[in-house]
Amino acid sequence: MNINYFSKVRILDGGMGQHLLAKGLKPKGSLWSATALINKKYHQLIVDAHLDFIKSGAEVIITNNFSARRTRMIQNNVEEHFNYANEKAGELALKAKKISKKNVLIGGSLPGQNNTYVLDQRDKKIIEKGFYDQAKLIKPFVDFFYLDVLCGSKECELAIDVTDKLNLPVLVGLHVKKNGKLPSNESIREVVEKCKSKNWLGLVIACVSPEIIENSIEEVKKLNIPFGYKANLWKVEEPVPVHKFASPSDEVGANPVDSMGTRDDYTESRFLEFSKKMVSKGATILGGCCETKPSHINKISELN
């Protein structure tokens, strides 16, 4: 793909996991959206969810394997489905693209390999293997890799090593806290300076509130790379790891909304006004994460 693809305004999808729950997914344990990959009866639901975002104007969709990381599957006693689930995430995204007959791009999700929103403290070799195992399975179906809610340069460097070896470009999604720093306590600039490679497509502030994005945008703007966001609409300012609200032993997994809430007041028009403001500051990569719905994406597609 064109390495300069994100140099003009592009619209990404929204929160696939939460949209699947809204469409009827019953998650098991703490598997969340990965339940829909393991259970064949939900495969069409994944295709339909991708299509909802494509029809709403998304030019880029992200594979639905965020929760299909090996640690999460081990915790839920379904590790034997690891390969199947990740391959299926790629297949179903590609199926949705073909059905849509639109020239959308597919980003392959490479999430932080342990708990979400916190730095992975494990041995580097274990983390790198986790990234590689997912990346090799989804590579045949995707145009680029999306580093999905990473929390520090340690994870970022390991993931970039993997994506460089597999010779696909990468969009980097970094999670930022209210203090403007990553969970690793590094600044965005520090992480970019340590990790940037020739294969970077751009930088996304990932799964954070619009307010945190707005507070971070000036720092990102100075880095001289295409930038933007996938904004969440959780009610809590700083989201917590999945194990805080869901247990692998649960027969039916909890919906994260039960503990983190949703910002019902953040209307589509409000999301558009926020996005307009970010575009005026130079943002070109516009999208959503948890609780950002197809209707929000449809509204900001006016900016393209």
C-alpha atoms as a PDB file:
ATOM      1  CA  MET A   1       0.000   0.000   0.000  1.00  0.00           C
ATOM      2  CA  ASN A   2       0.952   3.640  -0.357  1.00  0.00           C
ATOM      3  CA  ILE A   3       3.086   4.620   2.650  1.00  0.00           C
ATOM      4  CA  ASN A   4       1.572   8.132   2.410  1.00  0.00           C
ATOM      5  CA  TYR A   5      -2.026   6.863   2.568  1.00  0.00           C
ATOM      6  CA  PHE A   6      -2.786   8.737   5.796  1.00  0.00           C
ATOM      7  CA  SER A   7      -1.351  12.048   4.642  1.00  0.00           C
ATOM      8  CA  LYS A   8      -4.924  13.087   3.754  1.00  0.00           C
ATOM      9  CA  VAL A   9      -8.042  12.700   5.880  1.00  0.00           C
ATOM     10  CA  ARG A  10      -9.083   9.047   6.214  1.00  0.00           C
ATOM     11  CA  ILE A  11     -11.974   7.580   8.178  1.00  0.00           C
ATOM     12  CA  LEU A  12     -11.396   4.510  10.348  1.00  0.00           C
ATOM     13  CA  ASP A  13     -14.033   2.249  11.858  1.00  0.00           C
ATOM     14  CA  GLY A  14     -15.341   2.401  15.421  1.00  0.00           C
ATOM     15  CA  GLY A  15     -15.583   0.000  18.348  1.00  0.00           C
ATOM     16  CA  MET A  16     -16.087  -3.487  16.939  1.00  0.00           C
ATOM     17  CA  GLY A  17     -16.242  -5.322  20.274  1.00  0.00           C
ATOM     18  CA  GLN A  18     -18.933  -3.113  21.752  1.00  0.00           C
ATOM     19  CA  HIS A  19     -20.857  -3.015  18.469  1.00  0.00           C
ATOM     20  CA  LEU A  20     -20.917  -6.823  18.422  1.00  0.00           C
ATOM     21  CA  LEU A  21     -22.358  -6.844  21.930  1.00  0.00           C
ATOM     22  CA  ALA A  22     -24.987  -4.322  20.852  1.00  0.00           C
ATOM     23  CA  LYS A  23     -25.891  -6.602  17.934  1.00  0.00           C
ATOM     24  CA  GLY A  24     -26.446  -9.603  20.198  1.00  0.00           C
ATOM     25  CA  LEU A  25     -23.100 -11.236  20.968  1.00  0.00           C
ATOM     26  CA  LYS A  26     -23.130 -13.124  24.297  1.00  0.00           C
ATOM     27  CA  PRO A  27     -19.463 -13.176  25.380  1.00  0.00           C
ATOM     28  CA  LYS A  28     -17.987 -16.002  27.417  1.00  0.00           C
ATOM     29  CA  GLY A  29     -15.728 -15.311  30.384  1.00  0.00           C
ATOM     30  CA  SER A  30     -13.286 -12.504  29.597  1.00  0.00           C
ATOM     31  CA  LEU A  31     -13.051 -13.396  25.901  1.00  0.00           C
ATOM     32  CA  TRP A  32     -15.199 -10.398  24.928  1.00  0.00           C
ATOM     33  CA  SER A  33     -15.204 -10.070  21.102  1.00  0.00           C
ATOM     34  CA  ALA A  34     -13.035 -13.182  20.584  1.00  0.00           C
ATOM     35  CA  THR A  35     -16.125 -15.224  21.537  1.00  0.00           C
ATOM     36  CA  ALA A  36     -17.529 -14.339  18.116  1.00  0.00           C
ATOM     37  CA  LEU A  37     -14.460 -15.774  16.369  1.00  0.00           C
ATOM     38  CA  ILE A  38     -14.475 -19.076  18.242  1.00  0.00           C
ATOM     39  CA  ASN A  39     -18.224 -19.661  17.919  1.00  0.00           C
ATOM     40  CA  LYS A  40     -19.272 -20.108  14.275  1.00  0.00           C
ATOM     41  CA  LYS A  41     -22.815 -18.940  14.931  1.00  0.00           C
ATOM     42  CA  TYR A  42     -21.457 -15.397  15.373  1.00  0.00           C
ATOM     43  CA  HIS A  43     -19.328 -15.251  12.216  1.00  0.00           C
ATOM     44  CA  GLN A  44     -22.016 -13.541  10.172  1.00  0.00           C
ATOM     45  CA  LEU A  45     -22.443 -11.047  13.013  1.00  0.00           C
ATOM     46  CA  ILE A  46     -18.774 -10.055  12.621  1.00  0.00           C
ATOM     47  CA  VAL A  47     -19.206  -9.611   8.867  1.00  0.00           C
ATOM     48  CA  ASP A  48     -22.326  -7.540   9.432  1.00  0.00           C
ATOM     49  CA  ALA A  49     -20.573  -5.391  12.052  1.00  0.00           C
ATOM     50  CA  HIS A  50     -17.709  -4.658   9.636  1.00  0.00           C
ATOM     51  CA  LEU A  51     -20.277  -3.831   6.946  1.00  0.00           C
ATOM     52  CA  ASP A  52     -22.103  -1.460   9.299  1.00  0.00           C
ATOM     53  CA  PHE A  53     -18.916   0.590   9.626  1.00  0.00           C
ATOM     54  CA  ILE A  54     -18.113   0.391   5.905  1.00  0.00           C
ATOM     55  CA  LYS A  55     -21.627   1.561   5.032  1.00  0.00           C
ATOM     56  CA  SER A  56     -21.165   4.392   7.519  1.00  0.00           C
ATOM     57  CA  GLY A  57     -18.155   5.667   5.597  1.00  0.00           C
ATOM     58  CA  ALA A  58     -15.165   3.880   7.103  1.00  0.00           C
ATOM     59  CA  GLU A  59     -12.327   3.574   4.602  1.00  0.00           C
ATOM     60  CA  VAL A  60     -10.349   1.345   6.955  1.00  0.00           C
ATOM     61  CA  ILE A  61     -11.590  -1.578   9.059  1.00  0.00           C
ATOM     62  CA  ILE A  62      -9.614  -3.367  11.766  1.00  0.00           C
ATOM     63  CA  THR A  63      -9.685  -7.145  12.211  1.00  0.00           C
ATOM     64  CA  ASN A  64     -11.676  -8.382  15.199  1.00  0.00           C
ATOM     65  CA  ASN A  65      -8.863 -10.298  16.954  1.00  0.00           C
ATOM     66  CA  PHE A  66      -8.115  -7.778  19.719  1.00  0.00           C
ATOM     67  CA  SER A  67      -9.111 -10.316  22.387  1.00  0.00           C
ATOM     68  CA  ALA A  68      -7.713 -13.332  20.541  1.00  0.00           C
ATOM     69  CA  ARG A  69      -4.241 -12.775  22.011  1.00  0.00           C
ATOM     70  CA  ARG A  70      -2.772 -15.964  23.436  1.00  0.00           C
ATOM     71  CA  THR A  71      -2.805 -14.898  27.109  1.00  0.00           C
ATOM     72  CA  ARG A  72      -6.529 -14.155  27.028  1.00  0.00           C
ATOM     73  CA  MET A  73      -7.258 -17.479  25.361  1.00  0.00           C
ATOM     74  CA  ILE A  74      -5.141 -19.405  27.872  1.00  0.00           C
ATOM     75  CA  GLN A  75      -6.968 -17.692  30.741  1.00  0.00           C
ATOM     76  CA  ASN A  76     -10.288 -18.819  29.259  1.00  0.00           C
ATOM     77  CA  ASN A  77      -9.126 -22.387  28.519  1.00  0.00           C
ATOM     78  CA  VAL A  78      -9.566 -22.058  24.741  1.00  0.00           C
ATOM     79  CA  GLU A  79      -5.936 -21.836  23.606  1.00  0.00           C
ATOM     80  CA  GLU A  80      -6.529 -24.621  21.083  1.00  0.00           C
ATOM     81  CA  HIS A  81      -8.625 -22.119  19.085  1.00  0.00           C
ATOM     82  CA  PHE A  82      -5.846 -19.505  18.858  1.00  0.00           C
ATOM     83  CA  ASN A  83      -4.861 -20.137  15.233  1.00  0.00           C
ATOM     84  CA  TYR A  84      -8.437 -20.606  14.086  1.00  0.00           C
ATOM     85  CA  ALA A  85      -9.698 -17.428  15.754  1.00  0.00           C
ATOM     86  CA  ASN A  86      -6.986 -15.161  14.394  1.00  0.00           C
ATOM     87  CA  GLU A  87      -7.200 -16.551  10.863  1.00  0.00           C
ATOM     88  CA  LYS A  88     -10.970 -16.246  10.994  1.00  0.00           C
ATOM     89  CA  ALA A  89     -10.682 -12.581  12.003  1.00  0.00           C
ATOM     90  CA  GLY A  90      -8.760 -11.933   8.788  1.00  0.00           C
ATOM     91  CA  GLU A  91     -11.090 -14.033   6.646  1.00  0.00           C
ATOM     92  CA  LEU A  92     -14.236 -12.323   7.929  1.00  0.00           C
ATOM     93  CA  ALA A  93     -12.822  -8.820   7.464  1.00  0.00           C
ATOM     94  CA  LEU A  94     -11.871  -9.706   3.894  1.00  0.00           C
ATOM     95  CA  LYS A  95     -15.324 -11.226   3.309  1.00  0.00           C
ATOM     96  CA  ALA A  96     -16.952  -7.986   4.463  1.00  0.00           C
ATOM     97  CA  LYS A  97     -14.726  -5.975   2.142  1.00  0.00           C
ATOM     98  CA  LYS A  98     -15.661  -8.157  -0.835  1.00  0.00           C
ATOM     99  CA  ILE A  99     -19.375  -7.948  -0.054  1.00  0.00           C
ATOM    100  CA  SER A 100     -19.175  -4.160   0.233  1.00  0.00           C
ATOM    101  CA  LYS A 101     -17.501  -3.844  -3.177  1.00  0.00           C
ATOM    102  CA  LYS A 102     -15.696  -0.818  -1.753  1.00  0.00           C
ATOM    103  CA  ASN A 103     -11.974  -0.145  -1.822  1.00  0.00           C
ATOM    104  CA  VAL A 104     -11.537  -0.259   1.938  1.00  0.00           C
ATOM    105  CA  LEU A 105      -8.248  -1.186   3.559  1.00  0.00           C
ATOM    106  CA  ILE A 106      -7.918  -3.820   6.267  1.00  0.00           C
ATOM    107  CA  GLY A 107      -5.684  -3.214   9.260  1.00  0.00           C
ATOM    108  CA  GLY A 108      -4.538  -6.282  11.171  1.00  0.00           C
ATOM    109  CA  SER A 109      -4.953  -5.804  14.912  1.00  0.00           C
ATOM    110  CA  LEU A 110      -1.843  -6.483  16.985  1.00  0.00           C
ATOM    111  CA  PRO A 111      -2.943  -5.672  20.543  1.00  0.00           C
ATOM    112  CA  GLY A 112      -0.836  -5.414  23.653  1.00  0.00           C
ATOM    113  CA  GLN A 113      -0.142  -9.051  24.429  1.00  0.00           C
ATOM    114  CA  ASN A 114      -1.148  -9.183  28.085  1.00  0.00           C
ATOM    115  CA  ASN A 115      -3.705  -7.004  29.903  1.00  0.00           C
ATOM    116  CA  THR A 116      -5.160  -3.962  28.141  1.00  0.00           C
ATOM    117  CA  TYR A 117      -4.292  -0.417  29.307  1.00  0.00           C
ATOM    118  CA  VAL A 118      -1.282  -1.529  31.380  1.00  0.00           C
ATOM    119  CA  LEU A 119       2.369  -2.117  30.490  1.00  0.00           C
ATOM    120  CA  ASP A 120       3.364  -5.718  29.804  1.00  0.00           C
ATOM    121  CA  GLN A 121       6.075  -6.550  32.342  1.00  0.00           C
ATOM    122  CA  ARG A 122       6.886 -10.026  31.014  1.00  0.00           C
ATOM    123  CA  ASP A 123      10.075 -11.186  29.318  1.00  0.00           C
ATOM    124  CA  LYS A 124      10.670  -9.584  25.918  1.00  0.00           C
ATOM    125  CA  LYS A 125      10.928 -12.934  24.118  1.00  0.00           C
ATOM    126  CA  ILE A 126       7.480 -13.962  25.331  1.00  0.00           C
ATOM    127  CA  ILE A 127       5.952 -10.662  24.230  1.00  0.00           C
ATOM    128  CA  GLU A 128       7.631 -10.742  20.822  1.00  0.00           C
ATOM    129  CA  LYS A 129       6.444 -14.313  20.226  1.00  0.00           C
ATOM    130  CA  GLY A 130       2.914 -13.208  21.063  1.00  0.00           C
ATOM    131  CA  PHE A 131       3.027 -10.437  18.471  1.00  0.00           C
ATOM    132  CA  TYR A 132       4.579 -12.724  15.868  1.00  0.00           C
ATOM    133  CA  ASP A 133       2.096 -15.549  16.390  1.00  0.00           C
ATOM    134  CA  GLN A 134      -0.857 -13.236  15.767  1.00  0.00           C
ATOM    135  CA  ALA A 135       0.795 -11.274  12.970  1.00  0.00           C
ATOM    136  CA  LYS A 136       1.700 -14.285  10.833  1.00  0.00           C
ATOM    137  CA  LEU A 137      -1.880 -15.587  11.028  1.00  0.00           C
ATOM    138  CA  ILE A 138      -3.588 -12.371   9.943  1.00  0.00           C
ATOM    139  CA  LYS A 139      -0.974 -11.169   7.450  1.00  0.00           C
ATOM    140  CA  PRO A 140      -2.510 -12.904   4.378  1.00  0.00           C
ATOM    141  CA  PHE A 141      -5.713 -10.919   4.804  1.00  0.00           C
ATOM    142  CA  VAL A 142      -4.551  -7.397   5.676  1.00  0.00           C
ATOM    143  CA  ASP A 143      -2.998  -4.341   4.037  1.00  0.00           C
ATOM    144  CA  PHE A 144      -1.107  -3.189   7.115  1.00  0.00           C
ATOM    145  CA  PHE A 145      -0.761  -3.921  10.812  1.00  0.00           C
ATOM    146  CA  TYR A 146      -2.393  -1.769  13.476  1.00  0.00           C
ATOM    147  CA  LEU A 147      -0.614  -1.739  16.842  1.00  0.00           C
ATOM    148  CA  ASP A 148      -3.753  -1.747  18.937  1.00  0.00           C
ATOM    149  CA  VAL A 149      -3.604   0.168  22.258  1.00  0.00           C
ATOM    150  CA  LEU A 150       0.074  -0.245  23.144  1.00  0.00           C
ATOM    151  CA  CYS A 151       1.315   1.096  26.473  1.00  0.00           C
ATOM    152  CA  GLY A 152       5.053   1.800  26.128  1.00  0.00           C
ATOM    153  CA  SER A 153       8.198   1.680  24.004  1.00  0.00           C
ATOM    154  CA  LYS A 154       9.048  -1.850  25.188  1.00  0.00           C
ATOM    155  CA  GLU A 155       5.929  -3.279  23.521  1.00  0.00           C
ATOM    156  CA  CYS A 156       6.192  -0.929  20.571  1.00  0.00           C
ATOM    157  CA  GLU A 157       9.782  -1.836  19.729  1.00  0.00           C
ATOM    158  CA  LEU A 158       9.024  -5.569  19.878  1.00  0.00           C
ATOM    159  CA  ALA A 159       5.923  -5.200  17.699  1.00  0.00           C
ATOM    160  CA  ILE A 160       7.780  -3.058  15.154  1.00  0.00           C
ATOM    161  CA  ASP A 161      10.536  -5.692  14.925  1.00  0.00           C
ATOM    162  CA  VAL A 162       7.844  -8.234  14.030  1.00  0.00           C
ATOM    163  CA  THR A 163       6.031  -6.070  11.479  1.00  0.00           C
ATOM    164  CA  ASP A 164       9.317  -5.082   9.832  1.00  0.00           C
ATOM    165  CA  LYS A 165      10.292  -8.764   9.481  1.00  0.00           C
ATOM    166  CA  LEU A 166       6.903  -9.536   7.934  1.00  0.00           C
ATOM    167  CA  ASN A 167       7.373  -6.589   5.556  1.00  0.00           C
ATOM    168  CA  LEU A 168       4.057  -4.826   6.039  1.00  0.00           C
ATOM    169  CA  PRO A 169       3.618  -1.164   7.012  1.00  0.00           C
ATOM    170  CA  VAL A 170       2.251  -0.292  10.427  1.00  0.00           C
ATOM    171  CA  LEU A 171      -0.128   2.209  11.988  1.00  0.00           C
ATOM    172  CA  VAL A 172       0.866   2.711  15.618  1.00  0.00           C
ATOM    173  CA  GLY A 173      -1.835   3.098  18.282  1.00  0.00           C
ATOM    174  CA  LEU A 174      -0.578   4.369  21.650  1.00  0.00           C
ATOM    175  CA  HIS A 175      -2.663   4.527  24.819  1.00  0.00           C
ATOM    176  CA  VAL A 176      -2.282   7.756  26.804  1.00  0.00           C
ATOM    177  CA  LYS A 177      -3.390   8.672  30.327  1.00  0.00           C
ATOM    178  CA  LYS A 178      -4.788  11.943  31.709  1.00  0.00           C
ATOM    179  CA  ASN A 179      -1.276  13.114  32.555  1.00  0.00           C
ATOM    180  CA  GLY A 180      -0.336  12.965  28.856  1.00  0.00           C
ATOM    181  CA  LYS A 181       1.961   9.976  29.314  1.00  0.00           C
ATOM    182  CA  LEU A 182       1.665   6.309  28.432  1.00  0.00           C
ATOM    183  CA  PRO A 183       1.174   3.702  31.193  1.00  0.00           C
ATOM    184  CA  SER A 184       4.960   3.188  30.943  1.00  0.00           C
ATOM    185  CA  ASN A 185       5.285   6.811  32.154  1.00  0.00           C
ATOM    186  CA  GLU A 186       6.949   7.739  28.841  1.00  0.00           C
ATOM    187  CA  SER A 187       5.874  10.688  26.737  1.00  0.00           C
ATOM    188  CA  ILE A 188       4.512  10.103  23.266  1.00  0.00           C
ATOM    189  CA  ARG A 189       7.639  11.760  21.838  1.00  0.00           C
ATOM    190  CA  GLU A 190       9.928   9.408  23.771  1.00  0.00           C
ATOM    191  CA  VAL A 191       8.146   6.340  22.396  1.00  0.00           C
ATOM    192  CA  VAL A 192       8.177   7.633  18.829  1.00  0.00           C
ATOM    193  CA  GLU A 193      11.898   8.492  19.006  1.00  0.00           C
ATOM    194  CA  LYS A 194      12.693   4.970  20.244  1.00  0.00           C
ATOM    195  CA  CYS A 195      10.449   3.071  17.866  1.00  0.00           C
ATOM    196  CA  LYS A 196       9.934   4.964  14.605  1.00  0.00           C
ATOM    197  CA  SER A 197      10.831   3.060  11.449  1.00  0.00           C
ATOM    198  CA  LYS A 198      10.498   3.648   7.723  1.00  0.00           C
ATOM    199  CA  ASN A 199       7.398   1.444   7.678  1.00  0.00           C
ATOM    200  CA  TRP A 200       5.293   3.731   9.892  1.00  0.00           C
ATOM    201  CA  LEU A 201       2.068   4.892   8.265  1.00  0.00           C
ATOM    202  CA  GLY A 202       1.185   7.180  11.137  1.00  0.00           C
ATOM    203  CA  LEU A 203       0.382   7.495  14.821  1.00  0.00           C
ATOM    204  CA  VAL A 204      -2.993   7.083  16.525  1.00  0.00           C
ATOM    205  CA  ILE A 205      -3.885   7.985  20.113  1.00  0.00           C
ATOM    206  CA  ALA A 206      -5.778   4.800  20.902  1.00  0.00           C
ATOM    207  CA  CYS A 207      -8.829   4.029  23.054  1.00  0.00           C
ATOM    208  CA  VAL A 208      -8.801   7.230  25.078  1.00  0.00           C
ATOM    209  CA  SER A 209     -11.381   9.955  25.668  1.00  0.00           C
ATOM    210  CA  PRO A 210     -11.782  12.893  23.289  1.00  0.00           C
ATOM    211  CA  GLU A 211     -10.535  15.126  26.116  1.00  0.00           C
ATOM    212  CA  ILE A 212      -7.255  13.220  26.444  1.00  0.00           C
ATOM    213  CA  ILE A 213      -6.839  13.294  22.672  1.00  0.00           C
ATOM    214  CA  GLU A 214      -7.335  17.050  22.655  1.00  0.00           C
ATOM    215  CA  ASN A 215      -4.810  17.484  25.468  1.00  0.00           C
ATOM    216  CA  SER A 216      -2.221  15.369  23.610  1.00  0.00           C
ATOM    217  CA  ILE A 217      -2.690  16.652  20.082  1.00  0.00           C
ATOM    218  CA  GLU A 218      -0.142  19.481  20.206  1.00  0.00           C
ATOM    219  CA  GLU A 219       2.658  17.103  21.231  1.00  0.00           C
ATOM    220  CA  VAL A 220       1.744  14.668  18.482  1.00  0.00           C
ATOM    221  CA  LYS A 221       1.487  17.428  15.899  1.00  0.00           C
ATOM    222  CA  LYS A 222       5.171  18.284  16.389  1.00  0.00           C
ATOM    223  CA  LEU A 223       6.342  14.760  15.485  1.00  0.00           C
ATOM    224  CA  ASN A 224       5.977  15.346  11.748  1.00  0.00           C
ATOM    225  CA  ILE A 225       4.081  12.138  10.962  1.00  0.00           C
ATOM    226  CA  PRO A 226       0.433  11.592   9.986  1.00  0.00           C
ATOM    227  CA  PHE A 227      -1.603  11.416  13.190  1.00  0.00           C
ATOM    228  CA  GLY A 228      -5.072  11.028  14.583  1.00  0.00           C
ATOM    229  CA  TYR A 229      -7.127   8.956  16.981  1.00  0.00           C
ATOM    230  CA  LYS A 230      -9.482   6.113  17.736  1.00  0.00           C
ATOM    231  CA  ALA A 231     -11.556   7.697  20.515  1.00  0.00           C
ATOM    232  CA  ASN A 232     -13.487   5.733  23.105  1.00  0.00           C
ATOM    233  CA  LEU A 233     -16.712   6.963  24.622  1.00  0.00           C
ATOM    234  CA  TRP A 234     -16.444   5.255  27.999  1.00  0.00           C
ATOM    235  CA  LYS A 235     -17.869   7.273  30.853  1.00  0.00           C
ATOM    236  CA  VAL A 236     -14.768   6.673  33.010  1.00  0.00           C
ATOM    237  CA  GLU A 237     -11.847   8.900  32.096  1.00  0.00           C
ATOM    238  CA  GLU A 238      -9.236   6.165  32.356  1.00  0.00           C
ATOM    239  CA  PRO A 239     -10.428   2.651  31.439  1.00  0.00           C
ATOM    240  CA  VAL A 240      -9.339  -0.381  33.445  1.00  0.00           C
ATOM    241  CA  PRO A 241      -8.039  -3.811  32.318  1.00  0.00           C
ATOM    242  CA  VAL A 242     -10.624  -6.397  31.335  1.00  0.00           C
ATOM    243  CA  HIS A 243      -9.945  -8.618  34.356  1.00  0.00           C
ATOM    244  CA  LYS A 244     -11.372  -5.861  36.555  1.00  0.00           C
ATOM    245  CA  PHE A 245     -14.889  -6.498  35.270  1.00  0.00           C
ATOM    246  CA  ALA A 246     -14.885  -9.985  33.707  1.00  0.00           C
ATOM    247  CA  SER A 247     -13.625 -13.343  34.935  1.00  0.00           C
ATOM    248  CA  PRO A 248     -12.557 -16.278  32.732  1.00  0.00           C
ATOM    249  CA  SER A 249     -14.775 -18.489  34.891  1.00  0.00           C
ATOM    250  CA  ASP A 250     -17.927 -16.540  33.997  1.00  0.00           C
ATOM    251  CA  GLU A 251     -20.322 -18.586  31.891  1.00  0.00           C
ATOM    252  CA  VAL A 252     -21.531 -15.321  30.357  1.00  0.00           C
ATOM    253  CA  GLY A 253     -19.012 -12.489  30.287  1.00  0.00           C
ATOM    254  CA  ALA A 254     -19.846  -9.024  31.542  1.00  0.00           C
ATOM    255  CA  ASN A 255     -20.267  -6.113  29.169  1.00  0.00           C
ATOM    256  CA  PRO A 256     -17.522  -3.544  29.927  1.00  0.00           C
ATOM    257  CA  VAL A 257     -20.244  -0.881  29.891  1.00  0.00           C
ATOM    258  CA  ASP A 258     -21.497  -2.322  33.181  1.00  0.00           C
ATOM    259  CA  SER A 259     -18.395  -1.015  34.958  1.00  0.00           C
ATOM    260  CA  MET A 260     -17.102   1.734  32.678  1.00  0.00           C
ATOM    261  CA  GLY A 261     -20.347   3.233  31.423  1.00  0.00           C
ATOM    262  CA  THR A 262     -21.062   4.883  28.099  1.00  0.00           C
ATOM    263  CA  ARG A 263     -21.262   8.584  27.275  1.00  0.00           C
ATOM    264  CA  ASP A 264     -24.808   8.817  26.027  1.00  0.00           C
ATOM    265  CA  ASP A 265     -24.377  12.588  25.962  1.00  0.00           C
ATOM    266  CA  TYR A 266     -21.601  12.345  23.360  1.00  0.00           C
ATOM    267  CA  THR A 267     -23.831  12.653  20.321  1.00  0.00           C
ATOM    268  CA  GLU A 268     -22.828  12.159  16.720  1.00  0.00           C
ATOM    269  CA  SER A 269     -22.874  15.931  16.219  1.00  0.00           C
ATOM    270  CA  ARG A 270     -20.609  16.439  19.208  1.00  0.00           C
ATOM    271  CA  PHE A 271     -18.193  13.855  17.829  1.00  0.00           C
ATOM    272  CA  LEU A 272     -18.229  15.703  14.514  1.00  0.00           C
ATOM    273  CA  GLU A 273     -17.426  19.028  16.186  1.00  0.00           C
ATOM    274  CA  PHE A 274     -14.572  17.410  18.117  1.00  0.00           C
ATOM    275  CA  SER A 275     -13.261  15.841  14.894  1.00  0.00           C
ATOM    276  CA  LYS A 276     -13.460  19.131  13.025  1.00  0.00           C
ATOM    277  CA  LYS A 277     -11.361  20.727  15.734  1.00  0.00           C
ATOM    278  CA  MET A 278      -8.759  17.960  15.519  1.00  0.00           C
ATOM    279  CA  VAL A 279      -8.621  18.211  11.717  1.00  0.00           C
ATOM    280  CA  SER A 280      -7.993  21.941  12.093  1.00  0.00           C
ATOM    281  CA  LYS A 281      -4.938  20.992  14.170  1.00  0.00           C
ATOM    282  CA  GLY A 282      -3.676  18.652  11.457  1.00  0.00           C
ATOM    283  CA  ALA A 283      -5.225  15.270  12.309  1.00  0.00           C
ATOM    284  CA  THR A 284      -5.871  13.083   9.269  1.00  0.00           C
ATOM    285  CA  ILE A 285      -6.646   9.680  10.850  1.00  0.00           C
ATOM    286  CA  LEU A 286     -10.150   9.829  12.323  1.00  0.00           C
ATOM    287  CA  GLY A 287     -11.922   6.939  13.995  1.00  0.00           C
ATOM    288  CA  GLY A 288     -13.385   5.436  17.103  1.00  0.00           C
ATOM    289  CA  CYS A 289     -12.816   2.724  19.648  1.00  0.00           C
ATOM    290  CA  CYS A 290     -15.041   1.283  22.397  1.00  0.00           C
ATOM    291  CA  GLU A 291     -18.621   2.650  22.371  1.00  0.00           C
ATOM    292  CA  THR A 292     -18.010   4.678  19.203  1.00  0.00           C
ATOM    293  CA  LYS A 293     -20.838   3.483  16.988  1.00  0.00           C
ATOM    294  CA  PRO A 294     -21.411   3.371  13.207  1.00  0.00           C
ATOM    295  CA  SER A 295     -23.583   6.476  13.570  1.00  0.00           C
ATOM    296  CA  HIS A 296     -20.587   8.394  14.980  1.00  0.00           C
ATOM    297  CA  ILE A 297     -18.406   7.229  12.092  1.00  0.00           C
ATOM    298  CA  ASN A 298     -21.106   8.143   9.599  1.00  0.00           C
ATOM    299  CA  LYS A 299     -21.195  11.677  10.959  1.00  0.00           C
ATOM    300  CA  ILE A 300     -17.445  12.279  10.771  1.00  0.00           C
ATOM    301  CA  SER A 301     -17.323  10.793   7.264  1.00  0.00           C
ATOM    302  CA  GLU A 302     -18.614  14.239   6.227  1.00  0.00           C
ATOM    303  CA  LEU A 303     -15.043  15.448   6.773  1.00  0.00           C
ATOM    304  CA  ASN A 304     -13.617  13.328   3.979  1.00  0.00           C
END
